[in-house]
Amino acid sequence: MEMPYIPDIYKKRLAAGLRYEMRKSYRFIGKKLGVHHTTIMRWCKAIEAGKEVLKEISGGADATAAEISNDEKKRQAIELRREGRSYRQIGDILGVHHTTVMRWYKKLQLLQMHQLEKKSGKVEG
């Protein structure tokens, strides 16, 4: 039976869960998800790094991405982007797709541009 398509973000979460909660090997998880075991290893490391960043951002609280509100995720995404993180890294850290992070950041940039234009008198509103 062929495995149905599963988006990478869900595969990443599943891989991390299998690895850390069920103590399964990278190879075992890779075979189950149809992904190379080194990809599984990279995903798990990214998720662990993300947990550390979340802990640092939230002032030492042991928070997971699922427990953080969307507004807080947006704020953290902007902060991480300003620190030089890639959209993909931020997505992995916050548990959202990287294109979601791109949309958040672009909306912020457009809002800031609009506010600057409004201040200079170029836009009425």
PDB file of N, CA and C in Angstrom:
ATOM      1  N   MET A   1       0.845  -1.181   0.000  1.00  0.00           N
ATOM      2  CA  MET A   1       0.000   0.000   0.000  1.00  0.00           C
ATOM      3  C   MET A   1       0.890   1.243   0.000  1.00  0.00           C
ATOM      4  N   GLU A   2       0.590   2.155  -0.888  1.00  0.00           N
ATOM      5  CA  GLU A   2       1.374   3.379  -0.996  1.00  0.00           C
ATOM      6  C   GLU A   2       0.954   4.371   0.081  1.00  0.00           C
ATOM      7  N   MET A   3       1.947   5.026   0.655  1.00  0.00           N
ATOM      8  CA  MET A   3       1.679   5.985   1.719  1.00  0.00           C
ATOM      9  C   MET A   3       1.062   7.259   1.133  1.00  0.00           C
ATOM     10  N   PRO A   4       0.006   7.794   1.742  1.00  0.00           N
ATOM     11  CA  PRO A   4      -0.594   9.032   1.224  1.00  0.00           C
ATOM     12  C   PRO A   4       0.371  10.200   1.411  1.00  0.00           C
ATOM     13  N   TYR A   5       0.169  11.259   0.626  1.00  0.00           N
ATOM     14  CA  TYR A   5       1.021  12.439   0.737  1.00  0.00           C
ATOM     15  C   TYR A   5       0.831  13.098   2.098  1.00  0.00           C
ATOM     16  N   ILE A   6       1.937  13.385   2.747  1.00  0.00           N
ATOM     17  CA  ILE A   6       1.922  14.079   4.038  1.00  0.00           C
ATOM     18  C   ILE A   6       2.853  15.281   3.906  1.00  0.00           C
ATOM     19  N   PRO A   7       2.364  16.504   4.169  1.00  0.00           N
ATOM     20  CA  PRO A   7       3.237  17.676   4.089  1.00  0.00           C
ATOM     21  C   PRO A   7       4.422  17.547   5.043  1.00  0.00           C
ATOM     22  N   ASP A   8       5.552  18.126   4.653  1.00  0.00           N
ATOM     23  CA  ASP A   8       6.783  18.019   5.432  1.00  0.00           C
ATOM     24  C   ASP A   8       6.638  18.492   6.871  1.00  0.00           C
ATOM     25  N   ILE A   9       5.860  19.536   7.112  1.00  0.00           N
ATOM     26  CA  ILE A   9       5.746  20.054   8.482  1.00  0.00           C
ATOM     27  C   ILE A   9       5.169  18.977   9.402  1.00  0.00           C
ATOM     28  N   TYR A  10       4.234  18.173   8.896  1.00  0.00           N
ATOM     29  CA  TYR A  10       3.653  17.111   9.709  1.00  0.00           C
ATOM     30  C   TYR A  10       4.614  15.941   9.854  1.00  0.00           C
ATOM     31  N   LYS A  11       5.374  15.674   8.783  1.00  0.00           N
ATOM     32  CA  LYS A  11       6.381  14.625   8.858  1.00  0.00           C
ATOM     33  C   LYS A  11       7.421  14.985   9.914  1.00  0.00           C
ATOM     34  N   LYS A  12       7.798  16.259   9.968  1.00  0.00           N
ATOM     35  CA  LYS A  12       8.799  16.701  10.937  1.00  0.00           C
ATOM     36  C   LYS A  12       8.306  16.470  12.361  1.00  0.00           C
ATOM     37  N   ARG A  13       7.062  16.866  12.609  1.00  0.00           N
ATOM     38  CA  ARG A  13       6.503  16.692  13.948  1.00  0.00           C
ATOM     39  C   ARG A  13       6.392  15.212  14.305  1.00  0.00           C
ATOM     40  N   LEU A  14       5.952  14.424  13.346  1.00  0.00           N
ATOM     41  CA  LEU A  14       5.827  12.988  13.566  1.00  0.00           C
ATOM     42  C   LEU A  14       7.187  12.360  13.824  1.00  0.00           C
ATOM     43  N   ALA A  15       8.177  12.770  13.032  1.00  0.00           N
ATOM     44  CA  ALA A  15       9.533  12.232  13.191  1.00  0.00           C
ATOM     45  C   ALA A  15      10.076  12.550  14.578  1.00  0.00           C
ATOM     46  N   ALA A  16       9.893  13.790  15.006  1.00  0.00           N
ATOM     47  CA  ALA A  16      10.393  14.175  16.329  1.00  0.00           C
ATOM     48  C   ALA A  16       9.683  13.394  17.423  1.00  0.00           C
ATOM     49  N   GLY A  17       8.374  13.216  17.266  1.00  0.00           N
ATOM     50  CA  GLY A  17       7.613  12.456  18.253  1.00  0.00           C
ATOM     51  C   GLY A  17       8.069  11.012  18.333  1.00  0.00           C
ATOM     52  N   LEU A  18       8.244  10.395  17.178  1.00  0.00           N
ATOM     53  CA  LEU A  18       8.702   9.010  17.162  1.00  0.00           C
ATOM     54  C   LEU A  18      10.096   8.887  17.754  1.00  0.00           C
ATOM     55  N   ARG A  19      10.945   9.836  17.439  1.00  0.00           N
ATOM     56  CA  ARG A  19      12.336   9.775  17.882  1.00  0.00           C
ATOM     57  C   ARG A  19      12.439   9.925  19.402  1.00  0.00           C
ATOM     58  N   TYR A  20      11.765  10.914  19.943  1.00  0.00           N
ATOM     59  CA  TYR A  20      11.977  11.242  21.350  1.00  0.00           C
ATOM     60  C   TYR A  20      11.000  10.566  22.305  1.00  0.00           C
ATOM     61  N   GLU A  21       9.804  10.285  21.843  1.00  0.00           N
ATOM     62  CA  GLU A  21       8.846   9.664  22.744  1.00  0.00           C
ATOM     63  C   GLU A  21       8.857   8.144  22.651  1.00  0.00           C
ATOM     64  N   MET A  22       9.097   7.627  21.450  1.00  0.00           N
ATOM     65  CA  MET A  22       9.051   6.178  21.277  1.00  0.00           C
ATOM     66  C   MET A  22      10.441   5.580  21.104  1.00  0.00           C
ATOM     67  N   ARG A  23      11.461   6.434  21.112  1.00  0.00           N
ATOM     68  CA  ARG A  23      12.863   5.984  21.006  1.00  0.00           C
ATOM     69  C   ARG A  23      13.118   5.148  19.759  1.00  0.00           C
ATOM     70  N   LYS A  24      12.583   5.574  18.631  1.00  0.00           N
ATOM     71  CA  LYS A  24      12.799   4.879  17.365  1.00  0.00           C
ATOM     72  C   LYS A  24      14.034   5.460  16.677  1.00  0.00           C
ATOM     73  N   SER A  25      14.686   4.644  15.856  1.00  0.00           N
ATOM     74  CA  SER A  25      15.899   5.095  15.164  1.00  0.00           C
ATOM     75  C   SER A  25      15.545   5.996  13.983  1.00  0.00           C
ATOM     76  N   TYR A  26      16.528   6.785  13.549  1.00  0.00           N
ATOM     77  CA  TYR A  26      16.340   7.647  12.384  1.00  0.00           C
ATOM     78  C   TYR A  26      15.992   6.805  11.146  1.00  0.00           C
ATOM     79  N   ARG A  27      16.664   5.671  11.013  1.00  0.00           N
ATOM     80  CA  ARG A  27      16.404   4.791   9.860  1.00  0.00           C
ATOM     81  C   ARG A  27      14.972   4.248   9.878  1.00  0.00           C
ATOM     82  N   PHE A  28      14.517   3.822  11.047  1.00  0.00           N
ATOM     83  CA  PHE A  28      13.156   3.296  11.177  1.00  0.00           C
ATOM     84  C   PHE A  28      12.144   4.376  10.783  1.00  0.00           C
ATOM     85  N   ILE A  29      12.314   5.571  11.303  1.00  0.00           N
ATOM     86  CA  ILE A  29      11.388   6.673  11.014  1.00  0.00           C
ATOM     87  C   ILE A  29      11.441   7.021   9.527  1.00  0.00           C
ATOM     88  N   GLY A  30      12.656   7.070   8.977  1.00  0.00           N
ATOM     89  CA  GLY A  30      12.814   7.383   7.564  1.00  0.00           C
ATOM     90  C   GLY A  30      12.084   6.404   6.665  1.00  0.00           C
ATOM     91  N   LYS A  31      12.185   5.132   6.987  1.00  0.00           N
ATOM     92  CA  LYS A  31      11.491   4.107   6.195  1.00  0.00           C
ATOM     93  C   LYS A  31       9.978   4.284   6.290  1.00  0.00           C
ATOM     94  N   LYS A  32       9.477   4.579   7.477  1.00  0.00           N
ATOM     95  CA  LYS A  32       8.038   4.745   7.666  1.00  0.00           C
ATOM     96  C   LYS A  32       7.496   5.971   6.934  1.00  0.00           C
ATOM     97  N   LEU A  33       8.294   7.044   6.897  1.00  0.00           N
ATOM     98  CA  LEU A  33       7.825   8.292   6.280  1.00  0.00           C
ATOM     99  C   LEU A  33       8.274   8.439   4.825  1.00  0.00           C
ATOM    100  N   GLY A  34       9.095   7.501   4.346  1.00  0.00           N
ATOM    101  CA  GLY A  34       9.570   7.583   2.976  1.00  0.00           C
ATOM    102  C   GLY A  34      10.567   8.701   2.756  1.00  0.00           C
ATOM    103  N   VAL A  35      11.409   8.938   3.771  1.00  0.00           N
ATOM    104  CA  VAL A  35      12.398  10.012   3.738  1.00  0.00           C
ATOM    105  C   VAL A  35      13.742   9.421   4.165  1.00  0.00           C
ATOM    106  N   HIS A  36      14.822   9.960   3.626  1.00  0.00           N
ATOM    107  CA  HIS A  36      16.154   9.461   3.998  1.00  0.00           C
ATOM    108  C   HIS A  36      16.413   9.707   5.482  1.00  0.00           C
ATOM    109  N   HIS A  37      17.135   8.794   6.121  1.00  0.00           N
ATOM    110  CA  HIS A  37      17.361   8.901   7.573  1.00  0.00           C
ATOM    111  C   HIS A  37      18.147  10.158   7.960  1.00  0.00           C
ATOM    112  N   THR A  38      19.013  10.664   7.076  1.00  0.00           N
ATOM    113  CA  THR A  38      19.737  11.900   7.426  1.00  0.00           C
ATOM    114  C   THR A  38      18.798  13.109   7.425  1.00  0.00           C
ATOM    115  N   THR A  39      17.743  13.045   6.609  1.00  0.00           N
ATOM    116  CA  THR A  39      16.727  14.104   6.625  1.00  0.00           C
ATOM    117  C   THR A  39      15.995  14.082   7.964  1.00  0.00           C
ATOM    118  N   ILE A  40      15.662  12.897   8.435  1.00  0.00           N
ATOM    119  CA  ILE A  40      15.008  12.754   9.739  1.00  0.00           C
ATOM    120  C   ILE A  40      15.906  13.325  10.837  1.00  0.00           C
ATOM    121  N   MET A  41      17.191  13.024  10.748  1.00  0.00           N
ATOM    122  CA  MET A  41      18.149  13.519  11.738  1.00  0.00           C
ATOM    123  C   MET A  41      18.171  15.063  11.737  1.00  0.00           C
ATOM    124  N   ARG A  42      18.186  15.629  10.535  1.00  0.00           N
ATOM    125  CA  ARG A  42      18.219  17.096  10.403  1.00  0.00           C
ATOM    126  C   ARG A  42      16.941  17.715  10.978  1.00  0.00           C
ATOM    127  N   TRP A  43      15.789  17.108  10.667  1.00  0.00           N
ATOM    128  CA  TRP A  43      14.524  17.602  11.198  1.00  0.00           C
ATOM    129  C   TRP A  43      14.504  17.577  12.715  1.00  0.00           C
ATOM    130  N   CYS A  44      14.938  16.473  13.297  1.00  0.00           N
ATOM    131  CA  CYS A  44      14.931  16.340  14.756  1.00  0.00           C
ATOM    132  C   CYS A  44      15.856  17.368  15.402  1.00  0.00           C
ATOM    133  N   LYS A  45      17.012  17.584  14.797  1.00  0.00           N
ATOM    134  CA  LYS A  45      17.939  18.586  15.335  1.00  0.00           C
ATOM    135  C   LYS A  45      17.340  19.981  15.240  1.00  0.00           C
ATOM    136  N   ALA A  46      16.653  20.274  14.129  1.00  0.00           N
ATOM    137  CA  ALA A  46      16.018  21.589  13.963  1.00  0.00           C
ATOM    138  C   ALA A  46      14.930  21.796  15.007  1.00  0.00           C
ATOM    139  N   ILE A  47      14.165  20.753  15.274  1.00  0.00           N
ATOM    140  CA  ILE A  47      13.098  20.858  16.271  1.00  0.00           C
ATOM    141  C   ILE A  47      13.684  21.066  17.661  1.00  0.00           C
ATOM    142  N   GLU A  48      14.750  20.351  17.978  1.00  0.00           N
ATOM    143  CA  GLU A  48      15.410  20.537  19.284  1.00  0.00           C
ATOM    144  C   GLU A  48      15.979  21.949  19.407  1.00  0.00           C
ATOM    145  N   ALA A  49      16.604  22.437  18.333  1.00  0.00           N
ATOM    146  CA  ALA A  49      17.142  23.798  18.346  1.00  0.00           C
ATOM    147  C   ALA A  49      16.010  24.802  18.520  1.00  0.00           C
ATOM    148  N   GLY A  50      14.894  24.523  17.870  1.00  0.00           N
ATOM    149  CA  GLY A  50      13.729  25.399  18.000  1.00  0.00           C
ATOM    150  C   GLY A  50      13.210  25.466  19.412  1.00  0.00           C
ATOM    151  N   LYS A  51      13.204  24.332  20.101  1.00  0.00           N
ATOM    152  CA  LYS A  51      12.760  24.312  21.497  1.00  0.00           C
ATOM    153  C   LYS A  51      13.655  25.182  22.361  1.00  0.00           C
ATOM    154  N   GLU A  52      14.961  25.118  22.083  1.00  0.00           N
ATOM    155  CA  GLU A  52      15.905  25.947  22.851  1.00  0.00           C
ATOM    156  C   GLU A  52      15.668  27.431  22.594  1.00  0.00           C
ATOM    157  N   VAL A  53      15.428  27.786  21.329  1.00  0.00           N
ATOM    158  CA  VAL A  53      15.175  29.188  20.984  1.00  0.00           C
ATOM    159  C   VAL A  53      13.876  29.652  21.625  1.00  0.00           C
ATOM    160  N   LEU A  54      12.831  28.814  21.573  1.00  0.00           N
ATOM    161  CA  LEU A  54      11.566  29.172  22.215  1.00  0.00           C
ATOM    162  C   LEU A  54      11.756  29.391  23.707  1.00  0.00           C
ATOM    163  N   LYS A  55      12.538  28.535  24.322  1.00  0.00           N
ATOM    164  CA  LYS A  55      12.792  28.661  25.749  1.00  0.00           C
ATOM    165  C   LYS A  55      13.506  29.983  26.047  1.00  0.00           C
ATOM    166  N   GLU A  56      14.475  30.328  25.210  1.00  0.00           N
ATOM    167  CA  GLU A  56      15.225  31.569  25.380  1.00  0.00           C
ATOM    168  C   GLU A  56      14.324  32.788  25.182  1.00  0.00           C
ATOM    169  N   ILE A  57      13.487  32.747  24.146  1.00  0.00           N
ATOM    170  CA  ILE A  57      12.608  33.874  23.844  1.00  0.00           C
ATOM    171  C   ILE A  57      11.555  34.052  24.927  1.00  0.00           C
ATOM    172  N   SER A  58      11.035  32.946  25.443  1.00  0.00           N
ATOM    173  CA  SER A  58       9.959  33.030  26.423  1.00  0.00           C
ATOM    174  C   SER A  58      10.481  33.224  27.853  1.00  0.00           C
ATOM    175  N   GLY A  59      11.736  33.600  27.978  1.00  0.00           N
ATOM    176  CA  GLY A  59      12.289  33.907  29.284  1.00  0.00           C
ATOM    177  C   GLY A  59      12.548  32.702  30.151  1.00  0.00           C
ATOM    178  N   GLY A  60      12.873  31.572  29.546  1.00  0.00           N
ATOM    179  CA  GLY A  60      13.225  30.388  30.313  1.00  0.00           C
ATOM    180  C   GLY A  60      12.080  29.428  30.547  1.00  0.00           C
ATOM    181  N   ALA A  61      10.860  29.842  30.184  1.00  0.00           N
ATOM    182  CA  ALA A  61       9.727  28.934  30.356  1.00  0.00           C
ATOM    183  C   ALA A  61       9.846  27.790  29.359  1.00  0.00           C
ATOM    184  N   ASP A  62       9.430  26.619  29.762  1.00  0.00           N
ATOM    185  CA  ASP A  62       9.541  25.449  28.895  1.00  0.00           C
ATOM    186  C   ASP A  62       8.298  25.357  28.024  1.00  0.00           C
ATOM    187  N   ALA A  63       8.220  26.209  26.999  1.00  0.00           N
ATOM    188  CA  ALA A  63       7.059  26.272  26.125  1.00  0.00           C
ATOM    189  C   ALA A  63       7.300  25.469  24.859  1.00  0.00           C
ATOM    190  N   THR A  64       6.226  24.961  24.302  1.00  0.00           N
ATOM    191  CA  THR A  64       6.321  24.320  22.994  1.00  0.00           C
ATOM    192  C   THR A  64       5.617  25.227  22.002  1.00  0.00           C
ATOM    193  N   ALA A  65       5.901  25.036  20.716  1.00  0.00           N
ATOM    194  CA  ALA A  65       5.318  25.888  19.683  1.00  0.00           C
ATOM    195  C   ALA A  65       3.793  25.830  19.709  1.00  0.00           C
ATOM    196  N   ALA A  66       3.229  24.679  20.035  1.00  0.00           N
ATOM    197  CA  ALA A  66       1.773  24.529  20.045  1.00  0.00           C
ATOM    198  C   ALA A  66       1.119  25.347  21.145  1.00  0.00           C
ATOM    199  N   GLU A  67       1.853  25.663  22.217  1.00  0.00           N
ATOM    200  CA  GLU A  67       1.294  26.382  23.362  1.00  0.00           C
ATOM    201  C   GLU A  67       1.341  27.895  23.194  1.00  0.00           C
ATOM    202  N   ILE A  68       1.982  28.375  22.150  1.00  0.00           N
ATOM    203  CA  ILE A  68       2.181  29.808  21.963  1.00  0.00           C
ATOM    204  C   ILE A  68       1.107  30.350  21.033  1.00  0.00           C
ATOM    205  N   SER A  69       0.535  31.517  21.379  1.00  0.00           N
ATOM    206  CA  SER A  69      -0.517  32.101  20.551  1.00  0.00           C
ATOM    207  C   SER A  69       0.046  32.536  19.199  1.00  0.00           C
ATOM    208  N   ASN A  70      -0.851  32.698  18.232  1.00  0.00           N
ATOM    209  CA  ASN A  70      -0.433  33.101  16.897  1.00  0.00           C
ATOM    210  C   ASN A  70       0.231  34.474  16.903  1.00  0.00           C
ATOM    211  N   ASP A  71      -0.305  35.406  17.687  1.00  0.00           N
ATOM    212  CA  ASP A  71       0.294  36.745  17.765  1.00  0.00           C
ATOM    213  C   ASP A  71       1.707  36.670  18.334  1.00  0.00           C
ATOM    214  N   GLU A  72       1.889  35.815  19.335  1.00  0.00           N
ATOM    215  CA  GLU A  72       3.219  35.659  19.926  1.00  0.00           C
ATOM    216  C   GLU A  72       4.173  35.013  18.925  1.00  0.00           C
ATOM    217  N   LYS A  73       3.666  34.045  18.151  1.00  0.00           N
ATOM    218  CA  LYS A  73       4.498  33.418  17.122  1.00  0.00           C
ATOM    219  C   LYS A  73       4.930  34.448  16.087  1.00  0.00           C
ATOM    220  N   LYS A  74       4.017  35.330  15.707  1.00  0.00           N
ATOM    221  CA  LYS A  74       4.354  36.378  14.734  1.00  0.00           C
ATOM    222  C   LYS A  74       5.436  37.284  15.289  1.00  0.00           C
ATOM    223  N   ARG A  75       5.280  37.687  16.554  1.00  0.00           N
ATOM    224  CA  ARG A  75       6.274  38.552  17.180  1.00  0.00           C
ATOM    225  C   ARG A  75       7.637  37.870  17.218  1.00  0.00           C
ATOM    226  N   GLN A  76       7.638  36.598  17.588  1.00  0.00           N
ATOM    227  CA  GLN A  76       8.889  35.846  17.659  1.00  0.00           C
ATOM    228  C   GLN A  76       9.493  35.630  16.272  1.00  0.00           C
ATOM    229  N   ALA A  77       8.634  35.414  15.276  1.00  0.00           N
ATOM    230  CA  ALA A  77       9.119  35.237  13.902  1.00  0.00           C
ATOM    231  C   ALA A  77       9.843  36.493  13.425  1.00  0.00           C
ATOM    232  N   ILE A  78       9.272  37.648  13.708  1.00  0.00           N
ATOM    233  CA  ILE A  78       9.892  38.919  13.313  1.00  0.00           C
ATOM    234  C   ILE A  78      11.234  39.087  14.025  1.00  0.00           C
ATOM    235  N   GLU A  79      11.251  38.781  15.317  1.00  0.00           N
ATOM    236  CA  GLU A  79      12.482  38.888  16.100  1.00  0.00           C
ATOM    237  C   GLU A  79      13.569  37.944  15.561  1.00  0.00           C
ATOM    238  N   LEU A  80      13.188  36.708  15.277  1.00  0.00           N
ATOM    239  CA  LEU A  80      14.148  35.729  14.754  1.00  0.00           C
ATOM    240  C   LEU A  80      14.649  36.128  13.367  1.00  0.00           C
ATOM    241  N   ARG A  81      13.766  36.698  12.551  1.00  0.00           N
ATOM    242  CA  ARG A  81      14.169  37.135  11.210  1.00  0.00           C
ATOM    243  C   ARG A  81      15.175  38.278  11.310  1.00  0.00           C
ATOM    244  N   ARG A  82      14.937  39.178  12.227  1.00  0.00           N
ATOM    245  CA  ARG A  82      15.874  40.301  12.427  1.00  0.00           C
ATOM    246  C   ARG A  82      17.222  39.830  12.950  1.00  0.00           C
ATOM    247  N   GLU A  83      17.230  38.658  13.604  1.00  0.00           N
ATOM    248  CA  GLU A  83      18.489  38.069  14.068  1.00  0.00           C
ATOM    249  C   GLU A  83      19.236  37.367  12.936  1.00  0.00           C
ATOM    250  N   GLY A  84      18.584  37.260  11.759  1.00  0.00           N
ATOM    251  CA  GLY A  84      19.249  36.662  10.611  1.00  0.00           C
ATOM    252  C   GLY A  84      18.859  35.224  10.312  1.00  0.00           C
ATOM    253  N   ARG A  85      17.842  34.717  10.976  1.00  0.00           N
ATOM    254  CA  ARG A  85      17.392  33.343  10.713  1.00  0.00           C
ATOM    255  C   ARG A  85      16.638  33.288   9.390  1.00  0.00           C
ATOM    256  N   SER A  86      16.701  32.136   8.722  1.00  0.00           N
ATOM    257  CA  SER A  86      15.965  31.960   7.468  1.00  0.00           C
ATOM    258  C   SER A  86      14.499  31.686   7.780  1.00  0.00           C
ATOM    259  N   TYR A  87      13.661  31.881   6.761  1.00  0.00           N
ATOM    260  CA  TYR A  87      12.234  31.593   6.939  1.00  0.00           C
ATOM    261  C   TYR A  87      12.030  30.125   7.315  1.00  0.00           C
ATOM    262  N   ARG A  88      12.782  29.248   6.692  1.00  0.00           N
ATOM    263  CA  ARG A  88      12.654  27.813   6.966  1.00  0.00           C
ATOM    264  C   ARG A  88      13.054  27.502   8.412  1.00  0.00           C
ATOM    265  N   GLN A  89      14.143  28.112   8.894  1.00  0.00           N
ATOM    266  CA  GLN A  89      14.565  27.892  10.286  1.00  0.00           C
ATOM    267  C   GLN A  89      13.497  28.385  11.250  1.00  0.00           C
ATOM    268  N   ILE A  90      12.950  29.560  10.958  1.00  0.00           N
ATOM    269  CA  ILE A  90      11.919  30.136  11.826  1.00  0.00           C
ATOM    270  C   ILE A  90      10.678  29.238  11.828  1.00  0.00           C
ATOM    271  N   GLY A  91      10.291  28.767  10.659  1.00  0.00           N
ATOM    272  CA  GLY A  91       9.143  27.863  10.571  1.00  0.00           C
ATOM    273  C   GLY A  91       9.351  26.609  11.397  1.00  0.00           C
ATOM    274  N   ASP A  92      10.553  26.043  11.314  1.00  0.00           N
ATOM    275  CA  ASP A  92      10.859  24.852  12.107  1.00  0.00           C
ATOM    276  C   ASP A  92      10.795  25.151  13.599  1.00  0.00           C
ATOM    277  N   ILE A  93      11.305  26.284  13.985  1.00  0.00           N
ATOM    278  CA  ILE A  93      11.333  26.664  15.393  1.00  0.00           C
ATOM    279  C   ILE A  93       9.926  26.860  15.945  1.00  0.00           C
ATOM    280  N   LEU A  94       9.088  27.557  15.165  1.00  0.00           N
ATOM    281  CA  LEU A  94       7.756  27.908  15.648  1.00  0.00           C
ATOM    282  C   LEU A  94       6.675  26.894  15.285  1.00  0.00           C
ATOM    283  N   GLY A  95       7.033  25.895  14.501  1.00  0.00           N
ATOM    284  CA  GLY A  95       6.058  24.873  14.149  1.00  0.00           C
ATOM    285  C   GLY A  95       5.037  25.320  13.115  1.00  0.00           C
ATOM    286  N   VAL A  96       5.447  26.228  12.219  1.00  0.00           N
ATOM    287  CA  VAL A  96       4.586  26.672  11.127  1.00  0.00           C
ATOM    288  C   VAL A  96       5.348  26.501   9.819  1.00  0.00           C
ATOM    289  N   HIS A  97       4.630  26.557   8.722  1.00  0.00           N
ATOM    290  CA  HIS A  97       5.277  26.419   7.418  1.00  0.00           C
ATOM    291  C   HIS A  97       6.081  27.688   7.121  1.00  0.00           C
ATOM    292  N   HIS A  98       7.195  27.517   6.413  1.00  0.00           N
ATOM    293  CA  HIS A  98       8.062  28.672   6.150  1.00  0.00           C
ATOM    294  C   HIS A  98       7.374  29.741   5.299  1.00  0.00           C
ATOM    295  N   THR A  99       6.430  29.365   4.440  1.00  0.00           N
ATOM    296  CA  THR A  99       5.739  30.393   3.663  1.00  0.00           C
ATOM    297  C   THR A  99       4.811  31.231   4.548  1.00  0.00           C
ATOM    298  N   THR A 100       4.337  30.645   5.624  1.00  0.00           N
ATOM    299  CA  THR A 100       3.543  31.412   6.595  1.00  0.00           C
ATOM    300  C   THR A 100       4.416  32.496   7.211  1.00  0.00           C
ATOM    301  N   VAL A 101       5.637  32.131   7.559  1.00  0.00           N
ATOM    302  CA  VAL A 101       6.573  33.107   8.127  1.00  0.00           C
ATOM    303  C   VAL A 101       6.854  34.212   7.110  1.00  0.00           C
ATOM    304  N   MET A 102       7.038  33.832   5.843  1.00  0.00           N
ATOM    305  CA  MET A 102       7.272  34.835   4.794  1.00  0.00           C
ATOM    306  C   MET A 102       6.102  35.811   4.694  1.00  0.00           C
ATOM    307  N   ARG A 103       4.885  35.280   4.734  1.00  0.00           N
ATOM    308  CA  ARG A 103       3.701  36.150   4.656  1.00  0.00           C
ATOM    309  C   ARG A 103       3.643  37.107   5.839  1.00  0.00           C
ATOM    310  N   TRP A 104       3.909  36.605   7.044  1.00  0.00           N
ATOM    311  CA  TRP A 104       3.905  37.473   8.227  1.00  0.00           C
ATOM    312  C   TRP A 104       4.908  38.609   8.064  1.00  0.00           C
ATOM    313  N   TYR A 105       6.097  38.257   7.628  1.00  0.00           N
ATOM    314  CA  TYR A 105       7.170  39.247   7.520  1.00  0.00           C
ATOM    315  C   TYR A 105       6.855  40.270   6.428  1.00  0.00           C
ATOM    316  N   LYS A 106       6.330  39.816   5.293  1.00  0.00           N
ATOM    317  CA  LYS A 106       6.001  40.741   4.203  1.00  0.00           C
ATOM    318  C   LYS A 106       4.859  41.668   4.604  1.00  0.00           C
ATOM    319  N   LYS A 107       3.864  41.156   5.328  1.00  0.00           N
ATOM    320  CA  LYS A 107       2.772  42.004   5.813  1.00  0.00           C
ATOM    321  C   LYS A 107       3.310  43.091   6.738  1.00  0.00           C
ATOM    322  N   LEU A 108       4.245  42.724   7.595  1.00  0.00           N
ATOM    323  CA  LEU A 108       4.847  43.696   8.494  1.00  0.00           C
ATOM    324  C   LEU A 108       5.583  44.769   7.690  1.00  0.00           C
ATOM    325  N   GLN A 109       6.340  44.352   6.689  1.00  0.00           N
ATOM    326  CA  GLN A 109       7.076  45.309   5.866  1.00  0.00           C
ATOM    327  C   GLN A 109       6.123  46.259   5.147  1.00  0.00           C
ATOM    328  N   LEU A 110       5.025  45.724   4.604  1.00  0.00           N
ATOM    329  CA  LEU A 110       4.038  46.574   3.933  1.00  0.00           C
ATOM    330  C   LEU A 110       3.394  47.549   4.904  1.00  0.00           C
ATOM    331  N   LEU A 111       3.088  47.078   6.097  1.00  0.00           N
ATOM    332  CA  LEU A 111       2.498  47.944   7.119  1.00  0.00           C
ATOM    333  C   LEU A 111       3.456  49.064   7.502  1.00  0.00           C
ATOM    334  N   GLN A 112       4.727  48.713   7.681  1.00  0.00           N
ATOM    335  CA  GLN A 112       5.717  49.734   8.025  1.00  0.00           C
ATOM    336  C   GLN A 112       5.885  50.745   6.897  1.00  0.00           C
ATOM    337  N   MET A 113       5.885  50.269   5.637  1.00  0.00           N
ATOM    338  CA  MET A 113       5.987  51.177   4.498  1.00  0.00           C
ATOM    339  C   MET A 113       4.803  52.127   4.452  1.00  0.00           C
ATOM    340  N   HIS A 114       3.609  51.578   4.682  1.00  0.00           N
ATOM    341  CA  HIS A 114       2.398  52.396   4.680  1.00  0.00           C
ATOM    342  C   HIS A 114       2.454  53.458   5.781  1.00  0.00           C
ATOM    343  N   GLN A 115       2.931  53.072   6.956  1.00  0.00           N
ATOM    344  CA  GLN A 115       3.034  54.020   8.059  1.00  0.00           C
ATOM    345  C   GLN A 115       4.033  55.132   7.752  1.00  0.00           C
ATOM    346  N   LEU A 116       5.146  54.781   7.102  1.00  0.00           N
ATOM    347  CA  LEU A 116       6.137  55.789   6.712  1.00  0.00           C
ATOM    348  C   LEU A 116       5.565  56.751   5.681  1.00  0.00           C
ATOM    349  N   GLU A 117       4.828  56.215   4.707  1.00  0.00           N
ATOM    350  CA  GLU A 117       4.208  57.059   3.694  1.00  0.00           C
ATOM    351  C   GLU A 117       3.163  57.968   4.322  1.00  0.00           C
ATOM    352  N   LYS A 118       2.429  57.453   5.279  1.00  0.00           N
ATOM    353  CA  LYS A 118       1.403  58.222   5.969  1.00  0.00           C
ATOM    354  C   LYS A 118       2.030  59.375   6.747  1.00  0.00           C
ATOM    355  N   LYS A 119       3.168  59.076   7.399  1.00  0.00           N
ATOM    356  CA  LYS A 119       3.885  60.113   8.166  1.00  0.00           C
ATOM    357  C   LYS A 119       4.391  61.221   7.247  1.00  0.00           C
ATOM    358  N   SER A 120       4.881  60.847   6.080  1.00  0.00           N
ATOM    359  CA  SER A 120       5.449  61.837   5.160  1.00  0.00           C
ATOM    360  C   SER A 120       4.364  62.557   4.369  1.00  0.00           C
ATOM    361  N   GLY A 121       3.096  62.153   4.526  1.00  0.00           N
ATOM    362  CA  GLY A 121       1.992  62.830   3.893  1.00  0.00           C
ATOM    363  C   GLY A 121       1.668  62.350   2.486  1.00  0.00           C
ATOM    364  N   LYS A 122       2.256  61.260   2.070  1.00  0.00           N
ATOM    365  CA  LYS A 122       2.021  60.742   0.725  1.00  0.00           C
ATOM    366  C   LYS A 122       0.710  59.971   0.616  1.00  0.00           C
ATOM    367  N   VAL A 123       0.221  59.464   1.728  1.00  0.00           N
ATOM    368  CA  VAL A 123      -0.994  58.670   1.716  1.00  0.00           C
ATOM    369  C   VAL A 123      -2.001  59.306   2.664  1.00  0.00           C
ATOM    370  N   GLU A 124      -3.245  59.447   2.182  1.00  0.00           N
ATOM    371  CA  GLU A 124      -4.270  59.961   3.067  1.00  0.00           C
ATOM    372  C   GLU A 124      -4.939  58.809   3.794  1.00  0.00           C
ATOM    373  N   GLY A 125      -5.314  59.019   5.017  1.00  0.00           N
ATOM    374  CA  GLY A 125      -6.023  57.937   5.691  1.00  0.00           C
ATOM    375  C   GLY A 125      -6.073  58.098   7.099  1.00  0.00           C
TER     376      GLY A 125
END
